[in-house]
Amino acid sequence: MKAPVVKIDPRFAALLPEYRIITFTAPVEVMPASEEITSAMNDLAASIASSVPLAEINSIPAVAATRRAYKLCGKDPNRYRPSQEQLMRRIVRGLGLYAVNNVVDLGNILSLSTGCSVGCFDLEKIAGDSITVGIGESGEPYEGIGRGAINIEGMPVLRDAEGAFATPTSDSPRTAISSDTTRLFTTMHLFEPSLSVDEILACARRLFPIDDYRLYSAE
């Protein structure tokens, strides 16, 4: 199954002309996180906790740029925090990282290592051959993983042929990784123009057996 083509809604592109998104696919076997992955998560969490004060998380360039994107689209990032910021705040507050499975945990490592919001999806659960990056509409239905209904109005959102399935705040159960997932589709939102695509891909390749990647930009 081929990766869906990404389209960027003109309204979104007009607000965020420097926006880029990386997508990649990889074969995976979902299982509980190994001792190696758990150790890597703990080491990364310890490094962040010892070097990033809580008050400075919002100043990290990739996080700050994501928050700015939320404001431009019409969402308060303090009420609906981007996922990478949620993870960092959890770590710095001493709550640690929760383990889900090897694929999701590696996605969290990738997000924390790059500062980008990362979404990990079951490729076969994405409807249609394209997805669109846009802005959530008033009353648009959306359920976040473990969060229930979320008001995504004014939030950056990914839609497939069946509707919204991902935001930088929370992904949807409809396309979530499960024990039956064999093909991973990952998205990485780059709201900060100075981020290096080569460095981010190098980090991703250290974690996943990527067999196809694509880069799309708003321009």
Protein backbone atom coordinates (compact mmCIF):
# COMPACT_ATOMS: atom_id res chain seq x y z
CA MET A 1 0.00 0.00 0.00
CA LYS A 2 1.40 3.36 -1.07
CA ALA A 3 1.68 6.35 1.23
CA PRO A 4 -1.07 8.95 0.73
CA VAL A 5 -0.14 12.13 -1.07
CA VAL A 6 -0.27 15.25 1.11
CA LYS A 7 -2.19 18.31 0.01
CA ILE A 8 -2.04 21.60 1.92
CA ASP A 9 -5.21 23.64 2.09
CA PRO A 10 -4.72 27.12 0.56
CA ARG A 11 -6.08 28.86 3.67
CA PHE A 12 -3.58 27.01 5.85
CA ALA A 13 -0.74 27.74 3.42
CA ALA A 14 -1.60 31.45 3.36
CA LEU A 15 -1.37 31.64 7.14
CA LEU A 16 1.77 29.51 7.39
CA PRO A 17 3.77 29.85 4.15
CA GLU A 18 6.95 28.38 5.70
CA TYR A 19 5.21 25.20 6.89
CA ARG A 20 6.64 21.83 5.84
CA ILE A 21 5.58 18.28 6.57
CA ILE A 22 7.65 15.10 6.34
CA THR A 23 5.93 11.76 5.87
CA PHE A 24 7.49 8.32 5.86
CA THR A 25 6.47 4.68 5.80
CA ALA A 26 8.12 1.67 7.39
CA PRO A 27 7.39 -2.00 8.00
CA VAL A 28 6.77 -2.66 11.69
CA GLU A 29 5.94 -5.43 14.12
CA VAL A 30 4.09 -4.03 17.10
CA MET A 31 5.09 -5.40 20.49
CA PRO A 32 5.80 -4.20 24.02
CA ALA A 33 8.77 -1.86 24.16
CA SER A 34 12.09 -3.62 24.55
CA GLU A 35 14.50 -2.95 27.40
CA GLU A 36 16.63 -1.03 24.90
CA ILE A 37 13.76 1.29 23.94
CA THR A 38 12.72 1.78 27.55
CA SER A 39 16.30 2.64 28.48
CA ALA A 40 16.54 5.12 25.61
CA MET A 41 13.28 6.76 26.72
CA ASN A 42 14.47 7.03 30.30
CA ASP A 43 17.85 8.46 29.28
CA LEU A 44 16.21 11.06 27.03
CA ALA A 45 13.72 11.99 29.74
CA ALA A 46 16.52 12.39 32.30
CA SER A 47 18.46 14.62 29.91
CA ILE A 48 15.44 16.86 29.27
CA ALA A 49 14.49 17.03 32.94
CA SER A 50 17.99 18.16 33.91
CA SER A 51 18.47 20.72 31.15
CA VAL A 52 15.08 22.30 30.33
CA PRO A 53 13.28 24.37 33.00
CA LEU A 54 9.50 24.17 32.82
CA ALA A 55 9.21 27.88 32.06
CA GLU A 56 11.54 27.56 29.05
CA ILE A 57 9.79 24.72 27.20
CA ASN A 58 7.67 27.18 25.23
CA SER A 59 10.86 28.95 24.08
CA ILE A 60 12.31 25.89 22.34
CA PRO A 61 12.23 26.97 18.66
CA ALA A 62 10.22 24.03 17.30
CA VAL A 63 7.74 24.24 20.18
CA ALA A 64 7.44 28.02 19.95
CA ALA A 65 6.79 27.80 16.22
CA THR A 66 4.08 25.17 16.72
CA ARG A 67 2.39 27.34 19.35
CA ARG A 68 2.54 30.32 17.00
CA ALA A 69 0.88 28.19 14.29
CA TYR A 70 -1.96 27.35 16.67
CA LYS A 71 -2.53 31.02 17.40
CA LEU A 72 -2.53 31.92 13.71
CA CYS A 73 -5.05 29.17 12.97
CA GLY A 74 -7.25 30.35 15.85
CA LYS A 75 -6.47 27.99 18.76
CA ASP A 76 -5.13 28.73 22.24
CA PRO A 77 -2.00 26.53 22.63
CA ASN A 78 -2.22 26.82 26.42
CA ARG A 79 -5.58 25.05 26.38
CA TYR A 80 -4.73 22.51 23.67
CA ARG A 81 -0.99 21.98 23.93
CA PRO A 82 0.94 20.41 21.02
CA SER A 83 1.99 16.82 21.72
CA GLN A 84 5.74 17.44 21.97
CA GLU A 85 5.11 20.18 24.51
CA GLN A 86 2.82 17.85 26.47
CA LEU A 87 5.57 15.22 26.59
CA MET A 88 8.24 17.70 27.67
CA ARG A 89 6.07 19.20 30.38
CA ARG A 90 5.28 15.74 31.69
CA ILE A 91 8.98 14.92 31.92
CA VAL A 92 10.04 18.19 33.54
CA ARG A 93 7.23 17.89 36.09
CA GLY A 94 8.71 14.53 37.13
CA LEU A 95 5.92 12.33 35.77
CA GLY A 96 8.16 10.40 33.35
CA LEU A 97 7.21 8.92 29.99
CA TYR A 98 4.47 6.33 29.70
CA ALA A 99 5.12 3.20 27.63
CA VAL A 100 2.56 2.20 24.97
CA ASN A 101 4.29 -0.11 22.51
CA ASN A 102 7.55 -0.16 20.60
CA VAL A 103 6.23 1.86 17.64
CA VAL A 104 4.47 4.60 19.60
CA ASP A 105 7.35 4.83 22.08
CA LEU A 106 9.86 5.29 19.24
CA GLY A 107 7.58 7.97 17.81
CA ASN A 108 7.71 9.79 21.15
CA ILE A 109 11.49 9.53 21.18
CA LEU A 110 11.55 11.01 17.66
CA SER A 111 9.28 13.87 18.74
CA LEU A 112 11.32 14.69 21.83
CA SER A 113 14.62 14.43 19.93
CA THR A 114 13.54 16.81 17.15
CA GLY A 115 11.03 19.06 18.91
CA CYS A 116 8.45 18.31 16.21
CA SER A 117 4.92 17.03 16.61
CA VAL A 118 5.01 13.44 15.34
CA GLY A 119 2.02 11.29 14.39
CA CYS A 120 2.29 7.50 14.02
CA PHE A 121 -0.55 5.80 12.13
CA ASP A 122 -1.57 2.45 10.70
CA LEU A 123 -1.17 3.05 6.97
CA GLU A 124 -3.95 0.61 6.10
CA LYS A 125 -6.45 2.53 8.24
CA ILE A 126 -6.02 5.79 6.34
CA ALA A 127 -8.92 6.24 3.91
CA GLY A 128 -8.19 7.23 0.31
CA ASP A 129 -4.97 8.02 -1.50
CA SER A 130 -4.46 11.56 -0.21
CA ILE A 131 -4.59 13.55 3.02
CA THR A 132 -5.06 17.28 3.48
CA VAL A 133 -3.44 19.59 6.01
CA GLY A 134 -5.99 22.19 7.03
CA ILE A 135 -7.72 23.98 9.90
CA GLY A 136 -10.42 22.45 12.09
CA GLU A 137 -13.95 23.73 11.52
CA SER A 138 -16.64 24.67 14.01
CA GLY A 139 -18.58 21.59 15.11
CA GLU A 140 -16.28 19.20 13.25
CA PRO A 141 -16.44 15.85 15.06
CA TYR A 142 -13.19 14.54 16.49
CA GLU A 143 -12.13 12.05 19.14
CA GLY A 144 -8.61 12.05 20.57
CA ILE A 145 -6.86 8.94 21.82
CA GLY A 146 -7.66 8.66 25.53
CA ARG A 147 -9.20 12.14 25.53
CA GLY A 148 -12.71 11.70 24.16
CA ALA A 149 -14.29 14.46 22.10
CA ILE A 150 -11.99 17.40 21.31
CA ASN A 151 -12.97 20.78 19.90
CA ILE A 152 -10.61 21.05 16.92
CA GLU A 153 -11.98 24.35 15.60
CA GLY A 154 -9.00 26.55 14.74
CA MET A 155 -6.50 23.73 15.19
CA PRO A 156 -4.11 22.36 12.52
CA VAL A 157 -5.65 19.08 11.36
CA LEU A 158 -5.04 16.20 8.97
CA ARG A 159 -8.02 14.81 7.03
CA ASP A 160 -8.38 11.71 4.88
CA ALA A 161 -11.39 10.59 2.82
CA GLU A 162 -13.38 9.93 6.02
CA GLY A 163 -12.55 13.19 7.77
CA ALA A 164 -10.19 14.44 10.46
CA PHE A 165 -7.87 11.79 11.90
CA ALA A 166 -4.95 13.70 13.43
CA THR A 167 -3.92 16.97 15.04
CA PRO A 168 -0.58 18.01 16.57
CA THR A 169 -2.36 17.81 19.95
CA SER A 170 -3.89 14.33 19.77
CA ASP A 171 -4.38 11.64 17.15
CA SER A 172 -7.62 9.75 16.58
CA PRO A 173 -8.28 6.10 17.55
CA ARG A 174 -9.54 5.47 14.00
CA THR A 175 -6.04 5.36 12.50
CA ALA A 176 -4.09 4.43 15.63
CA ILE A 177 -1.33 1.85 15.85
CA SER A 178 -2.62 -1.52 17.09
CA SER A 179 -1.23 -5.02 17.57
CA ASP A 180 -2.27 -5.82 13.97
CA THR A 181 -0.38 -2.92 12.38
CA THR A 182 2.27 -3.97 9.87
CA ARG A 183 2.76 -0.74 7.89
CA LEU A 184 3.59 2.50 9.66
CA PHE A 185 2.74 5.92 8.24
CA THR A 186 4.34 8.80 10.12
CA THR A 187 3.90 12.56 9.83
CA MET A 188 6.23 15.21 11.19
CA HIS A 189 5.08 18.84 11.32
CA LEU A 190 7.83 21.40 10.72
CA PHE A 191 6.49 24.82 11.67
CA GLU A 192 9.98 26.21 12.39
CA PRO A 193 11.76 27.15 9.09
CA SER A 194 15.27 26.68 10.51
CA LEU A 195 14.75 22.97 11.22
CA SER A 196 17.00 20.76 9.09
CA VAL A 197 15.14 18.13 7.12
CA ASP A 198 18.33 16.11 6.69
CA GLU A 199 18.99 16.04 10.43
CA ILE A 200 15.40 15.11 11.24
CA LEU A 201 15.40 12.29 8.68
CA ALA A 202 18.72 11.03 10.01
CA CYS A 203 17.18 10.84 13.47
CA ALA A 204 14.09 9.07 12.10
CA ARG A 205 16.23 6.53 10.22
CA ARG A 206 18.05 5.62 13.42
CA LEU A 207 14.71 4.66 14.94
CA PHE A 208 12.65 3.23 12.06
CA PRO A 209 13.42 1.09 8.95
CA ILE A 210 12.11 3.78 6.58
CA ASP A 211 11.40 2.58 3.06
CA ASP A 212 9.84 5.75 1.66
CA TYR A 213 9.78 9.39 2.72
CA ARG A 214 8.36 12.57 1.24
CA LEU A 215 8.64 16.26 1.98
CA TYR A 216 5.84 18.72 1.25
CA SER A 217 5.81 22.48 1.75
CA ALA A 218 3.16 25.19 1.85
CA GLU A 219 4.91 27.25 -0.81
